[in-house]
């Protein structure tokens, strides 16, 4: 995870990437690995709660494959 973070940090700090983002009106925010993991876990928990509250049931893999070939 640390190697990926460092590679992203280098890429996002490159002048051409910063310029491209600025041209699009965007700003890159790169969190350290532990913060990123905590953020995604929190977001997944929120999404799971919404799915449960809505009563949405998971689709079984076999059913998805069968539906794809119908």
PDB file of N, CA and C in Angstrom:
ATOM      1  N   UNK A   1       0.823  -1.187   0.000  1.00  0.00           N
ATOM      2  CA  UNK A   1       0.000   0.000   0.000  1.00  0.00           C
ATOM      3  C   UNK A   1       0.869   1.254   0.000  1.00  0.00           C
ATOM      4  N   UNK A   2       1.934   1.194   0.740  1.00  0.00           N
ATOM      5  CA  UNK A   2       2.825   2.353   0.826  1.00  0.00           C
ATOM      6  C   UNK A   2       3.459   2.661  -0.532  1.00  0.00           C
ATOM      7  N   UNK A   3       3.842   1.625  -1.283  1.00  0.00           N
ATOM      8  CA  UNK A   3       4.440   1.845  -2.607  1.00  0.00           C
ATOM      9  C   UNK A   3       3.444   2.502  -3.556  1.00  0.00           C
ATOM     10  N   UNK A   4       2.202   2.075  -3.496  1.00  0.00           N
ATOM     11  CA  UNK A   4       1.162   2.672  -4.342  1.00  0.00           C
ATOM     12  C   UNK A   4       0.966   4.130  -3.953  1.00  0.00           C
ATOM     13  N   UNK A   5       0.900   4.384  -2.659  1.00  0.00           N
ATOM     14  CA  UNK A   5       0.728   5.757  -2.172  1.00  0.00           C
ATOM     15  C   UNK A   5       1.863   6.650  -2.657  1.00  0.00           C
ATOM     16  N   UNK A   6       3.093   6.186  -2.528  1.00  0.00           N
ATOM     17  CA  UNK A   6       4.245   6.989  -2.949  1.00  0.00           C
ATOM     18  C   UNK A   6       4.221   7.239  -4.463  1.00  0.00           C
ATOM     19  N   UNK A   7       3.844   6.228  -5.230  1.00  0.00           N
ATOM     20  CA  UNK A   7       3.758   6.392  -6.690  1.00  0.00           C
ATOM     21  C   UNK A   7       2.681   7.411  -7.051  1.00  0.00           C
ATOM     22  N   UNK A   8       1.542   7.326  -6.394  1.00  0.00           N
ATOM     23  CA  UNK A   8       0.474   8.297  -6.643  1.00  0.00           C
ATOM     24  C   UNK A   8       0.903   9.700  -6.237  1.00  0.00           C
ATOM     25  N   UNK A   9       1.568   9.793  -5.110  1.00  0.00           N
ATOM     26  CA  UNK A   9       2.036  11.095  -4.639  1.00  0.00           C
ATOM     27  C   UNK A   9       2.983  11.737  -5.658  1.00  0.00           C
ATOM     28  N   UNK A  10       3.909  10.945  -6.176  1.00  0.00           N
ATOM     29  CA  UNK A  10       4.831  11.465  -7.189  1.00  0.00           C
ATOM     30  C   UNK A  10       4.073  11.907  -8.442  1.00  0.00           C
ATOM     31  N   UNK A  11       3.141  11.065  -8.886  1.00  0.00           N
ATOM     32  CA  UNK A  11       2.384  11.379 -10.097  1.00  0.00           C
ATOM     33  C   UNK A  11       1.527  12.636  -9.903  1.00  0.00           C
ATOM     34  N   UNK A  12       0.843  12.722  -8.791  1.00  0.00           N
ATOM     35  CA  UNK A  12      -0.044  13.858  -8.555  1.00  0.00           C
ATOM     36  C   UNK A  12       0.717  15.156  -8.336  1.00  0.00           C
ATOM     37  N   UNK A  13       1.966  15.065  -7.932  1.00  0.00           N
ATOM     38  CA  UNK A  13       2.778  16.259  -7.734  1.00  0.00           C
ATOM     39  C   UNK A  13       3.487  16.702  -9.012  1.00  0.00           C
ATOM     40  N   UNK A  14       3.384  15.916 -10.064  1.00  0.00           N
ATOM     41  CA  UNK A  14       4.014  16.288 -11.331  1.00  0.00           C
ATOM     42  C   UNK A  14       3.332  17.540 -11.886  1.00  0.00           C
ATOM     43  N   UNK A  15       4.141  18.440 -12.415  1.00  0.00           N
ATOM     44  CA  UNK A  15       3.627  19.722 -12.900  1.00  0.00           C
ATOM     45  C   UNK A  15       2.529  19.549 -13.951  1.00  0.00           C
ATOM     46  N   UNK A  16       2.717  18.604 -14.873  1.00  0.00           N
ATOM     47  CA  UNK A  16       1.710  18.435 -15.939  1.00  0.00           C
ATOM     48  C   UNK A  16       0.378  17.925 -15.394  1.00  0.00           C
ATOM     49  N   UNK A  17       0.438  17.088 -14.369  1.00  0.00           N
ATOM     50  CA  UNK A  17      -0.804  16.576 -13.761  1.00  0.00           C
ATOM     51  C   UNK A  17      -1.498  17.696 -13.008  1.00  0.00           C
ATOM     52  N   UNK A  18      -0.746  18.463 -12.235  1.00  0.00           N
ATOM     53  CA  UNK A  18      -1.332  19.582 -11.488  1.00  0.00           C
ATOM     54  C   UNK A  18      -1.958  20.593 -12.438  1.00  0.00           C
ATOM     55  N   UNK A  19      -1.280  20.867 -13.557  1.00  0.00           N
ATOM     56  CA  UNK A  19      -1.809  21.808 -14.549  1.00  0.00           C
ATOM     57  C   UNK A  19      -3.092  21.277 -15.180  1.00  0.00           C
ATOM     58  N   UNK A  20      -3.093  19.985 -15.528  1.00  0.00           N
ATOM     59  CA  UNK A  20      -4.286  19.378 -16.131  1.00  0.00           C
ATOM     60  C   UNK A  20      -5.473  19.447 -15.176  1.00  0.00           C
ATOM     61  N   UNK A  21      -5.237  19.177 -13.924  1.00  0.00           N
ATOM     62  CA  UNK A  21      -6.319  19.238 -12.937  1.00  0.00           C
ATOM     63  C   UNK A  21      -6.805  20.674 -12.747  1.00  0.00           C
ATOM     64  N   UNK A  22      -5.877  21.614 -12.681  1.00  0.00           N
ATOM     65  CA  UNK A  22      -6.240  23.019 -12.521  1.00  0.00           C
ATOM     66  C   UNK A  22      -7.056  23.505 -13.713  1.00  0.00           C
ATOM     67  N   UNK A  23      -6.681  23.068 -14.913  1.00  0.00           N
ATOM     68  CA  UNK A  23      -7.408  23.440 -16.125  1.00  0.00           C
ATOM     69  C   UNK A  23      -8.852  22.958 -16.058  1.00  0.00           C
ATOM     70  N   UNK A  24      -9.066  21.810 -15.422  1.00  0.00           N
ATOM     71  CA  UNK A  24     -10.411  21.243 -15.283  1.00  0.00           C
ATOM     72  C   UNK A  24     -11.128  21.746 -14.034  1.00  0.00           C
ATOM     73  N   UNK A  25     -10.451  22.605 -13.277  1.00  0.00           N
ATOM     74  CA  UNK A  25     -11.055  23.129 -12.045  1.00  0.00           C
ATOM     75  C   UNK A  25     -11.087  22.100 -10.933  1.00  0.00           C
ATOM     76  N   UNK A  26     -10.166  21.171 -10.967  1.00  0.00           N
ATOM     77  CA  UNK A  26     -10.136  20.096  -9.970  1.00  0.00           C
ATOM     78  C   UNK A  26      -8.894  20.214  -9.099  1.00  0.00           C
ATOM     79  N   UNK A  27      -9.017  19.673  -7.916  1.00  0.00           N
ATOM     80  CA  UNK A  27      -7.890  19.637  -6.993  1.00  0.00           C
ATOM     81  C   UNK A  27      -7.751  18.211  -6.477  1.00  0.00           C
ATOM     82  N   UNK A  28      -6.555  17.691  -6.492  1.00  0.00           N
ATOM     83  CA  UNK A  28      -6.297  16.331  -6.024  1.00  0.00           C
ATOM     84  C   UNK A  28      -6.030  16.383  -4.520  1.00  0.00           C
ATOM     85  N   UNK A  29      -6.714  15.519  -3.795  1.00  0.00           N
ATOM     86  CA  UNK A  29      -6.473  15.376  -2.365  1.00  0.00           C
ATOM     87  C   UNK A  29      -6.060  13.924  -2.143  1.00  0.00           C
ATOM     88  N   UNK A  30      -4.836  13.738  -1.733  1.00  0.00           N
ATOM     89  CA  UNK A  30      -4.307  12.392  -1.526  1.00  0.00           C
ATOM     90  C   UNK A  30      -4.106  12.180  -0.035  1.00  0.00           C
ATOM     91  N   UNK A  31      -4.847  11.225   0.517  1.00  0.00           N
ATOM     92  CA  UNK A  31      -4.723  10.910   1.933  1.00  0.00           C
ATOM     93  C   UNK A  31      -3.682   9.814   2.124  1.00  0.00           C
ATOM     94  N   UNK A  32      -3.010   9.815   3.270  1.00  0.00           N
ATOM     95  CA  UNK A  32      -2.092   8.710   3.569  1.00  0.00           C
ATOM     96  C   UNK A  32      -2.850   7.383   3.600  1.00  0.00           C
ATOM     97  N   UNK A  33      -2.138   6.264   3.408  1.00  0.00           N
ATOM     98  CA  UNK A  33      -2.793   4.959   3.309  1.00  0.00           C
ATOM     99  C   UNK A  33      -3.762   4.638   4.449  1.00  0.00           C
ATOM    100  N   UNK A  34      -3.370   4.851   5.668  1.00  0.00           N
ATOM    101  CA  UNK A  34      -4.273   4.504   6.788  1.00  0.00           C
ATOM    102  C   UNK A  34      -5.546   5.332   6.764  1.00  0.00           C
ATOM    103  N   UNK A  35      -5.422   6.603   6.440  1.00  0.00           N
ATOM    104  CA  UNK A  35      -6.608   7.456   6.348  1.00  0.00           C
ATOM    105  C   UNK A  35      -7.488   7.028   5.183  1.00  0.00           C
ATOM    106  N   UNK A  36      -6.862   6.628   4.084  1.00  0.00           N
ATOM    107  CA  UNK A  36      -7.614   6.169   2.921  1.00  0.00           C
ATOM    108  C   UNK A  36      -8.415   4.919   3.257  1.00  0.00           C
ATOM    109  N   UNK A  37      -7.783   3.966   3.923  1.00  0.00           N
ATOM    110  CA  UNK A  37      -8.469   2.732   4.321  1.00  0.00           C
ATOM    111  C   UNK A  37      -9.631   3.057   5.251  1.00  0.00           C
ATOM    112  N   UNK A  38      -9.402   3.910   6.231  1.00  0.00           N
ATOM    113  CA  UNK A  38     -10.465   4.290   7.175  1.00  0.00           C
ATOM    114  C   UNK A  38     -11.619   4.974   6.442  1.00  0.00           C
ATOM    115  N   UNK A  39     -11.295   5.839   5.493  1.00  0.00           N
ATOM    116  CA  UNK A  39     -12.322   6.539   4.729  1.00  0.00           C
ATOM    117  C   UNK A  39     -13.174   5.554   3.929  1.00  0.00           C
ATOM    118  N   UNK A  40     -12.526   4.647   3.194  1.00  0.00           N
ATOM    119  CA  UNK A  40     -13.274   3.695   2.384  1.00  0.00           C
ATOM    120  C   UNK A  40     -14.098   2.744   3.245  1.00  0.00           C
ATOM    121  N   UNK A  41     -13.574   2.330   4.379  1.00  0.00           N
ATOM    122  CA  UNK A  41     -14.369   1.481   5.275  1.00  0.00           C
ATOM    123  C   UNK A  41     -15.608   2.218   5.756  1.00  0.00           C
ATOM    124  N   UNK A  42     -15.431   3.474   6.119  1.00  0.00           N
ATOM    125  CA  UNK A  42     -16.555   4.288   6.571  1.00  0.00           C
ATOM    126  C   UNK A  42     -17.602   4.431   5.469  1.00  0.00           C
ATOM    127  N   UNK A  43     -17.158   4.694   4.254  1.00  0.00           N
ATOM    128  CA  UNK A  43     -18.083   4.834   3.134  1.00  0.00           C
ATOM    129  C   UNK A  43     -18.804   3.518   2.830  1.00  0.00           C
ATOM    130  N   UNK A  44     -18.079   2.409   2.903  1.00  0.00           N
ATOM    131  CA  UNK A  44     -18.705   1.105   2.671  1.00  0.00           C
ATOM    132  C   UNK A  44     -19.757   0.808   3.736  1.00  0.00           C
ATOM    133  N   UNK A  45     -19.454   1.160   4.978  1.00  0.00           N
ATOM    134  CA  UNK A  45     -20.425   0.967   6.055  1.00  0.00           C
ATOM    135  C   UNK A  45     -21.682   1.786   5.804  1.00  0.00           C
ATOM    136  N   UNK A  46     -21.516   3.024   5.354  1.00  0.00           N
ATOM    137  CA  UNK A  46     -22.675   3.875   5.049  1.00  0.00           C
ATOM    138  C   UNK A  46     -23.507   3.268   3.929  1.00  0.00           C
ATOM    139  N   UNK A  47     -22.827   2.832   2.866  1.00  0.00           N
ATOM    140  CA  UNK A  47     -23.544   2.236   1.734  1.00  0.00           C
ATOM    141  C   UNK A  47     -24.247   0.949   2.137  1.00  0.00           C
ATOM    142  N   UNK A  48     -23.592   0.131   2.948  1.00  0.00           N
ATOM    143  CA  UNK A  48     -24.200  -1.128   3.404  1.00  0.00           C
ATOM    144  C   UNK A  48     -25.448  -0.853   4.219  1.00  0.00           C
ATOM    145  N   UNK A  49     -25.401   0.163   5.057  1.00  0.00           N
ATOM    146  CA  UNK A  49     -26.567   0.510   5.871  1.00  0.00           C
ATOM    147  C   UNK A  49     -27.730   0.948   4.993  1.00  0.00           C
ATOM    148  N   UNK A  50     -27.448   1.719   3.967  1.00  0.00           N
ATOM    149  CA  UNK A  50     -28.492   2.168   3.047  1.00  0.00           C
ATOM    150  C   UNK A  50     -29.097   0.982   2.306  1.00  0.00           C
ATOM    151  N   UNK A  51     -28.249   0.061   1.856  1.00  0.00           N
ATOM    152  CA  UNK A  51     -28.721  -1.126   1.143  1.00  0.00           C
ATOM    153  C   UNK A  51     -29.591  -1.977   2.060  1.00  0.00           C
ATOM    154  N   UNK A  52     -29.128  -2.195   3.293  1.00  0.00           N
ATOM    155  CA  UNK A  52     -29.926  -2.978   4.246  1.00  0.00           C
ATOM    156  C   UNK A  52     -31.261  -2.305   4.529  1.00  0.00           C
ATOM    157  N   UNK A  53     -31.231  -0.993   4.757  1.00  0.00           N
ATOM    158  CA  UNK A  53     -32.457  -0.251   5.070  1.00  0.00           C
ATOM    159  C   UNK A  53     -33.452  -0.320   3.911  1.00  0.00           C
ATOM    160  N   UNK A  54     -32.939  -0.337   2.686  1.00  0.00           N
ATOM    161  CA  UNK A  54     -33.802  -0.411   1.506  1.00  0.00           C
ATOM    162  C   UNK A  54     -34.309  -1.832   1.257  1.00  0.00           C
ATOM    163  N   UNK A  55     -33.753  -2.811   1.988  1.00  0.00           N
ATOM    164  CA  UNK A  55     -34.185  -4.190   1.825  1.00  0.00           C
ATOM    165  C   UNK A  55     -33.670  -4.836   0.554  1.00  0.00           C
ATOM    166  N   UNK A  56     -32.575  -4.324   0.021  1.00  0.00           N
ATOM    167  CA  UNK A  56     -32.020  -4.873  -1.205  1.00  0.00           C
ATOM    168  C   UNK A  56     -31.255  -6.150  -0.875  1.00  0.00           C
ATOM    169  N   UNK A  57     -31.561  -7.198  -1.604  1.00  0.00           N
ATOM    170  CA  UNK A  57     -30.906  -8.488  -1.399  1.00  0.00           C
ATOM    171  C   UNK A  57     -29.780  -8.666  -2.399  1.00  0.00           C
ATOM    172  N   UNK A  58     -28.693  -9.322  -2.001  1.00  0.00           N
ATOM    173  CA  UNK A  58     -27.601  -9.563  -2.956  1.00  0.00           C
ATOM    174  C   UNK A  58     -28.040 -10.522  -4.052  1.00  0.00           C
ATOM    175  N   UNK A  59     -27.486 -10.334  -5.224  1.00  0.00           N
ATOM    176  CA  UNK A  59     -27.762 -11.214  -6.356  1.00  0.00           C
ATOM    177  C   UNK A  59     -26.672 -12.278  -6.368  1.00  0.00           C
ATOM    178  N   UNK A  60     -27.077 -13.519  -6.468  1.00  0.00           N
ATOM    179  CA  UNK A  60     -26.109 -14.613  -6.492  1.00  0.00           C
ATOM    180  C   UNK A  60     -25.349 -14.605  -7.806  1.00  0.00           C
ATOM    181  N   UNK A  61     -24.085 -14.976  -7.770  1.00  0.00           N
ATOM    182  CA  UNK A  61     -23.224 -14.979  -8.955  1.00  0.00           C
ATOM    183  C   UNK A  61     -23.824 -15.823 -10.078  1.00  0.00           C
ATOM    184  N   UNK A  62     -24.333 -17.000  -9.760  1.00  0.00           N
ATOM    185  CA  UNK A  62     -24.896 -17.884 -10.792  1.00  0.00           C
ATOM    186  C   UNK A  62     -26.098 -17.233 -11.455  1.00  0.00           C
ATOM    187  N   UNK A  63     -26.927 -16.552 -10.675  1.00  0.00           N
ATOM    188  CA  UNK A  63     -28.101 -15.906 -11.226  1.00  0.00           C
ATOM    189  C   UNK A  63     -27.700 -14.778 -12.172  1.00  0.00           C
ATOM    190  N   UNK A  64     -26.647 -14.064 -11.830  1.00  0.00           N
ATOM    191  CA  UNK A  64     -26.168 -12.984 -12.698  1.00  0.00           C
ATOM    192  C   UNK A  64     -25.658 -13.548 -14.026  1.00  0.00           C
ATOM    193  N   UNK A  65     -24.915 -14.654 -13.971  1.00  0.00           N
ATOM    194  CA  UNK A  65     -24.400 -15.260 -15.196  1.00  0.00           C
ATOM    195  C   UNK A  65     -25.548 -15.751 -16.062  1.00  0.00           C
ATOM    196  N   UNK A  66     -26.527 -16.382 -15.441  1.00  0.00           N
ATOM    197  CA  UNK A  66     -27.674 -16.901 -16.189  1.00  0.00           C
ATOM    198  C   UNK A  66     -28.436 -15.765 -16.841  1.00  0.00           C
ATOM    199  N   UNK A  67     -28.646 -14.696 -16.129  1.00  0.00           N
ATOM    200  CA  UNK A  67     -29.365 -13.549 -16.679  1.00  0.00           C
ATOM    201  C   UNK A  67     -28.588 -12.924 -17.836  1.00  0.00           C
ATOM    202  N   UNK A  68     -27.287 -12.945 -17.776  1.00  0.00           N
ATOM    203  CA  UNK A  68     -26.465 -12.362 -18.831  1.00  0.00           C
ATOM    204  C   UNK A  68     -26.614 -13.121 -20.138  1.00  0.00           C
ATOM    205  N   UNK A  69     -26.887 -14.413 -20.061  1.00  0.00           N
ATOM    206  CA  UNK A  69     -26.995 -15.230 -21.279  1.00  0.00           C
ATOM    207  C   UNK A  69     -28.433 -15.373 -21.752  1.00  0.00           C
ATOM    208  N   UNK A  70     -29.382 -14.773 -21.049  1.00  0.00           N
ATOM    209  CA  UNK A  70     -30.789 -14.875 -21.451  1.00  0.00           C
ATOM    210  C   UNK A  70     -31.119 -13.941 -22.575  1.00  0.00           C
TER     211      UNK A  70
END
